[in-house]
Amino acid sequence: MIPMQAATRETFWTIGPVGKAAFYWLAAVAIAVFCYGVYARFAAYARGGADPRDRLSGLPTRTLAATRTVLSNENQFDGDRYAGVMHTFVLWGFLVLLVATTVLGVDIDVYRPLAGESFWVGEFYLVYQFAVDAFGLLFVVGVAMAIARRYRDRDGR
């Protein structure tokens, strides 16, 4: 039987220093493209005229209402249960995978260099990986549902 502390995630398996450098370079390019897109969007907004409505009125109340709507997915289930389940799977699958990737990045690039060890071992790793795999499966099922709806179950929209 494998000891619990031996259970861990292999990162950058069989990828040498050149592969790691290429990975981080491509990540930097992707981040730069994203930042340019955000800049271009805000520049377009800045060229627009003044907004006649006060969009910041009642901001705390509106933020709480929007948060409740997002967390409950209540509007997704109003008219079409299939679409609601599909959107729920895609949303929560994506968000959990995003958090999982962020935690892994913190472990590799921040915690390991500072502490000299990884927190990605043992029971934490096994439970975390099971949850991430489960939500990854939900994400894939949600995307498959979207593809099926788009190409098989056309409903005239």
C-alpha atoms as a PDB file:
ATOM      1  CA  MET A   1       0.000   0.000   0.000  1.00  0.00           C
ATOM      2  CA  ILE A   2       1.248   3.465  -0.877  1.00  0.00           C
ATOM      3  CA  PRO A   3       1.758   5.783   2.110  1.00  0.00           C
ATOM      4  CA  MET A   4      -0.638   8.738   2.264  1.00  0.00           C
ATOM      5  CA  GLN A   5       2.189  11.299   2.031  1.00  0.00           C
ATOM      6  CA  ALA A   6       3.357   9.737  -1.250  1.00  0.00           C
ATOM      7  CA  ALA A   7       0.110  10.757  -2.971  1.00  0.00           C
ATOM      8  CA  THR A   8       0.857  13.943  -4.862  1.00  0.00           C
ATOM      9  CA  ARG A   9       0.450  15.619  -8.225  1.00  0.00           C
ATOM     10  CA  GLU A  10       3.359  15.541 -10.617  1.00  0.00           C
ATOM     11  CA  THR A  11       3.842  18.977 -12.143  1.00  0.00           C
ATOM     12  CA  PHE A  12       5.743  19.630 -15.350  1.00  0.00           C
ATOM     13  CA  TRP A  13       6.349  15.898 -15.636  1.00  0.00           C
ATOM     14  CA  THR A  14       9.250  15.125 -18.036  1.00  0.00           C
ATOM     15  CA  ILE A  15       9.312  18.747 -19.177  1.00  0.00           C
ATOM     16  CA  GLY A  16      12.773  20.226 -18.954  1.00  0.00           C
ATOM     17  CA  PRO A  17      13.831  23.826 -18.398  1.00  0.00           C
ATOM     18  CA  VAL A  18      13.253  24.746 -22.057  1.00  0.00           C
ATOM     19  CA  GLY A  19       9.691  23.400 -21.898  1.00  0.00           C
ATOM     20  CA  LYS A  20       9.006  25.316 -18.690  1.00  0.00           C
ATOM     21  CA  ALA A  21      10.398  28.503 -20.227  1.00  0.00           C
ATOM     22  CA  ALA A  22       8.205  27.996 -23.314  1.00  0.00           C
ATOM     23  CA  PHE A  23       5.163  27.407 -21.086  1.00  0.00           C
ATOM     24  CA  TYR A  24       5.710  30.600 -19.099  1.00  0.00           C
ATOM     25  CA  TRP A  25       6.495  32.596 -22.258  1.00  0.00           C
ATOM     26  CA  LEU A  26       3.261  31.439 -23.895  1.00  0.00           C
ATOM     27  CA  ALA A  27       1.376  32.207 -20.677  1.00  0.00           C
ATOM     28  CA  ALA A  28       2.853  35.724 -20.682  1.00  0.00           C
ATOM     29  CA  VAL A  29       1.796  36.208 -24.318  1.00  0.00           C
ATOM     30  CA  ALA A  30      -1.741  35.042 -23.500  1.00  0.00           C
ATOM     31  CA  ILE A  31      -1.915  37.422 -20.530  1.00  0.00           C
ATOM     32  CA  ALA A  32      -0.611  40.287 -22.686  1.00  0.00           C
ATOM     33  CA  VAL A  33      -3.281  39.604 -25.336  1.00  0.00           C
ATOM     34  CA  PHE A  34      -5.937  39.518 -22.608  1.00  0.00           C
ATOM     35  CA  CYS A  35      -4.707  42.805 -21.100  1.00  0.00           C
ATOM     36  CA  TYR A  36      -4.704  44.441 -24.540  1.00  0.00           C
ATOM     37  CA  GLY A  37      -8.298  43.290 -25.048  1.00  0.00           C
ATOM     38  CA  VAL A  38      -9.321  44.792 -21.710  1.00  0.00           C
ATOM     39  CA  TYR A  39      -7.494  48.030 -22.575  1.00  0.00           C
ATOM     40  CA  ALA A  40      -9.167  48.213 -26.006  1.00  0.00           C
ATOM     41  CA  ARG A  41     -12.593  47.643 -24.471  1.00  0.00           C
ATOM     42  CA  PHE A  42     -12.098  50.414 -21.888  1.00  0.00           C
ATOM     43  CA  ALA A  43     -10.681  52.738 -24.548  1.00  0.00           C
ATOM     44  CA  ALA A  44     -13.849  52.193 -26.590  1.00  0.00           C
ATOM     45  CA  TYR A  45     -15.957  52.944 -23.527  1.00  0.00           C
ATOM     46  CA  ALA A  46     -13.965  56.130 -22.896  1.00  0.00           C
ATOM     47  CA  ARG A  47     -14.670  57.354 -26.441  1.00  0.00           C
ATOM     48  CA  GLY A  48     -18.416  57.074 -25.813  1.00  0.00           C
ATOM     49  CA  GLY A  49     -20.622  59.851 -24.542  1.00  0.00           C
ATOM     50  CA  ALA A  50     -21.829  60.456 -21.033  1.00  0.00           C
ATOM     51  CA  ASP A  51     -24.307  57.947 -19.647  1.00  0.00           C
ATOM     52  CA  PRO A  52     -27.675  59.576 -18.935  1.00  0.00           C
ATOM     53  CA  ARG A  53     -28.444  57.051 -16.180  1.00  0.00           C
ATOM     54  CA  ASP A  54     -26.803  56.845 -12.780  1.00  0.00           C
ATOM     55  CA  ARG A  55     -25.546  53.270 -12.931  1.00  0.00           C
ATOM     56  CA  LEU A  56     -23.952  53.377  -9.491  1.00  0.00           C
ATOM     57  CA  SER A  57     -27.144  54.174  -7.583  1.00  0.00           C
ATOM     58  CA  GLY A  58     -28.062  51.483  -5.072  1.00  0.00           C
ATOM     59  CA  LEU A  59     -24.859  49.616  -5.880  1.00  0.00           C
ATOM     60  CA  PRO A  60     -24.652  47.469  -2.706  1.00  0.00           C
ATOM     61  CA  THR A  61     -28.260  46.303  -3.054  1.00  0.00           C
ATOM     62  CA  ARG A  62     -27.869  45.610  -6.757  1.00  0.00           C
ATOM     63  CA  THR A  63     -24.577  43.773  -6.178  1.00  0.00           C
ATOM     64  CA  LEU A  64     -26.155  41.514  -3.550  1.00  0.00           C
ATOM     65  CA  ALA A  65     -29.116  40.797  -5.831  1.00  0.00           C
ATOM     66  CA  ALA A  66     -26.799  39.946  -8.726  1.00  0.00           C
ATOM     67  CA  THR A  67     -24.681  37.708  -6.486  1.00  0.00           C
ATOM     68  CA  ARG A  68     -27.790  35.862  -5.301  1.00  0.00           C
ATOM     69  CA  THR A  69     -28.939  35.389  -8.884  1.00  0.00           C
ATOM     70  CA  VAL A  70     -25.552  34.053  -9.999  1.00  0.00           C
ATOM     71  CA  LEU A  71     -25.100  31.717  -7.030  1.00  0.00           C
ATOM     72  CA  SER A  72     -28.612  30.299  -7.272  1.00  0.00           C
ATOM     73  CA  ASN A  73     -28.858  30.240 -11.092  1.00  0.00           C
ATOM     74  CA  GLU A  74     -32.542  31.052 -10.546  1.00  0.00           C
ATOM     75  CA  ASN A  75     -33.013  32.751 -13.913  1.00  0.00           C
ATOM     76  CA  GLN A  76     -31.491  29.827 -15.809  1.00  0.00           C
ATOM     77  CA  PHE A  77     -34.273  27.484 -14.728  1.00  0.00           C
ATOM     78  CA  ASP A  78     -37.206  29.814 -15.483  1.00  0.00           C
ATOM     79  CA  GLY A  79     -38.266  28.537 -18.872  1.00  0.00           C
ATOM     80  CA  ASP A  80     -35.953  25.692 -19.834  1.00  0.00           C
ATOM     81  CA  ARG A  81     -34.700  23.146 -17.308  1.00  0.00           C
ATOM     82  CA  TYR A  82     -32.265  21.576 -19.805  1.00  0.00           C
ATOM     83  CA  ALA A  83     -30.622  24.957 -20.449  1.00  0.00           C
ATOM     84  CA  GLY A  84     -30.513  25.649 -16.716  1.00  0.00           C
ATOM     85  CA  VAL A  85     -28.719  22.387 -15.944  1.00  0.00           C
ATOM     86  CA  MET A  86     -26.367  22.925 -18.882  1.00  0.00           C
ATOM     87  CA  HIS A  87     -25.449  26.460 -17.800  1.00  0.00           C
ATOM     88  CA  THR A  88     -25.051  25.376 -14.170  1.00  0.00           C
ATOM     89  CA  PHE A  89     -22.659  22.568 -15.109  1.00  0.00           C
ATOM     90  CA  VAL A  90     -20.590  24.826 -17.368  1.00  0.00           C
ATOM     91  CA  LEU A  91     -20.482  27.744 -14.904  1.00  0.00           C
ATOM     92  CA  TRP A  92     -19.582  25.809 -11.770  1.00  0.00           C
ATOM     93  CA  GLY A  93     -17.309  23.377 -13.588  1.00  0.00           C
ATOM     94  CA  PHE A  94     -15.363  26.272 -15.073  1.00  0.00           C
ATOM     95  CA  LEU A  95     -15.174  28.203 -11.798  1.00  0.00           C
ATOM     96  CA  VAL A  96     -13.928  25.180  -9.829  1.00  0.00           C
ATOM     97  CA  LEU A  97     -11.344  24.383 -12.516  1.00  0.00           C
ATOM     98  CA  LEU A  98     -10.217  28.028 -12.444  1.00  0.00           C
ATOM     99  CA  VAL A  99      -9.782  27.939  -8.663  1.00  0.00           C
ATOM    100  CA  ALA A 100      -7.977  24.579  -8.885  1.00  0.00           C
ATOM    101  CA  THR A 101      -5.540  25.929 -11.457  1.00  0.00           C
ATOM    102  CA  THR A 102      -4.968  29.063  -9.385  1.00  0.00           C
ATOM    103  CA  VAL A 103      -4.247  27.034  -6.238  1.00  0.00           C
ATOM    104  CA  LEU A 104      -1.841  24.835  -8.194  1.00  0.00           C
ATOM    105  CA  GLY A 105      -0.100  27.938  -9.537  1.00  0.00           C
ATOM    106  CA  VAL A 106       0.236  29.353  -6.015  1.00  0.00           C
ATOM    107  CA  ASP A 107       1.689  26.039  -4.835  1.00  0.00           C
ATOM    108  CA  ILE A 108       4.222  25.803  -7.672  1.00  0.00           C
ATOM    109  CA  ASP A 109       5.267  29.435  -8.054  1.00  0.00           C
ATOM    110  CA  VAL A 110       4.860  30.913  -4.556  1.00  0.00           C
ATOM    111  CA  TYR A 111       4.625  28.348  -1.770  1.00  0.00           C
ATOM    112  CA  ARG A 112       7.256  25.846  -2.958  1.00  0.00           C
ATOM    113  CA  PRO A 113      10.002  28.422  -3.551  1.00  0.00           C
ATOM    114  CA  LEU A 114       9.335  30.040  -0.153  1.00  0.00           C
ATOM    115  CA  ALA A 115       8.670  26.961   2.002  1.00  0.00           C
ATOM    116  CA  GLY A 116      10.721  24.371   0.143  1.00  0.00           C
ATOM    117  CA  GLU A 117       7.823  21.909   0.177  1.00  0.00           C
ATOM    118  CA  SER A 118       4.402  21.444  -1.374  1.00  0.00           C
ATOM    119  CA  PHE A 119       1.003  21.437   0.296  1.00  0.00           C
ATOM    120  CA  TRP A 120      -0.224  19.366  -2.663  1.00  0.00           C
ATOM    121  CA  VAL A 121       0.333  16.010  -0.928  1.00  0.00           C
ATOM    122  CA  GLY A 122      -1.519  13.381   1.049  1.00  0.00           C
ATOM    123  CA  GLU A 123      -5.168  13.587   1.985  1.00  0.00           C
ATOM    124  CA  PHE A 124      -5.516  17.224   0.850  1.00  0.00           C
ATOM    125  CA  TYR A 125      -4.352  16.254  -2.632  1.00  0.00           C
ATOM    126  CA  LEU A 126      -6.631  13.217  -2.859  1.00  0.00           C
ATOM    127  CA  VAL A 127      -9.791  15.032  -1.706  1.00  0.00           C
ATOM    128  CA  TYR A 128      -9.006  18.127  -3.749  1.00  0.00           C
ATOM    129  CA  GLN A 129      -8.261  16.117  -6.872  1.00  0.00           C
ATOM    130  CA  PHE A 130     -11.474  14.101  -6.525  1.00  0.00           C
ATOM    131  CA  ALA A 131     -13.536  17.297  -6.247  1.00  0.00           C
ATOM    132  CA  VAL A 132     -11.730  18.924  -9.173  1.00  0.00           C
ATOM    133  CA  ASP A 133     -12.172  15.823 -11.332  1.00  0.00           C
ATOM    134  CA  ALA A 134     -15.883  15.681 -10.460  1.00  0.00           C
ATOM    135  CA  PHE A 135     -16.441  19.324 -11.400  1.00  0.00           C
ATOM    136  CA  GLY A 136     -14.307  18.864 -14.519  1.00  0.00           C
ATOM    137  CA  LEU A 137     -16.637  16.039 -15.512  1.00  0.00           C
ATOM    138  CA  LEU A 138     -19.650  18.299 -14.908  1.00  0.00           C
ATOM    139  CA  PHE A 139     -18.034  20.944 -17.114  1.00  0.00           C
ATOM    140  CA  VAL A 140     -17.501  18.432 -19.930  1.00  0.00           C
ATOM    141  CA  VAL A 141     -21.080  17.153 -19.580  1.00  0.00           C
ATOM    142  CA  GLY A 142     -22.371  20.746 -19.697  1.00  0.00           C
ATOM    143  CA  VAL A 143     -20.383  21.495 -22.851  1.00  0.00           C
ATOM    144  CA  ALA A 144     -21.622  18.233 -24.413  1.00  0.00           C
ATOM    145  CA  MET A 145     -25.182  19.266 -23.538  1.00  0.00           C
ATOM    146  CA  ALA A 146     -24.584  22.637 -25.216  1.00  0.00           C
ATOM    147  CA  ILE A 147     -23.224  20.977 -28.349  1.00  0.00           C
ATOM    148  CA  ALA A 148     -26.166  18.565 -28.423  1.00  0.00           C
ATOM    149  CA  ARG A 149     -28.614  21.445 -28.033  1.00  0.00           C
ATOM    150  CA  ARG A 150     -26.882  23.429 -30.749  1.00  0.00           C
ATOM    151  CA  TYR A 151     -26.525  20.729 -33.385  1.00  0.00           C
ATOM    152  CA  ARG A 152     -29.068  18.013 -32.548  1.00  0.00           C
ATOM    153  CA  ASP A 153     -31.987  19.460 -30.593  1.00  0.00           C
ATOM    154  CA  ARG A 154     -32.590  22.656 -32.560  1.00  0.00           C
ATOM    155  CA  ASP A 155     -35.699  24.262 -31.116  1.00  0.00           C
ATOM    156  CA  GLY A 156     -36.250  27.025 -33.646  1.00  0.00           C
ATOM    157  CA  ARG A 157     -34.310  29.743 -31.878  1.00  0.00           C
END
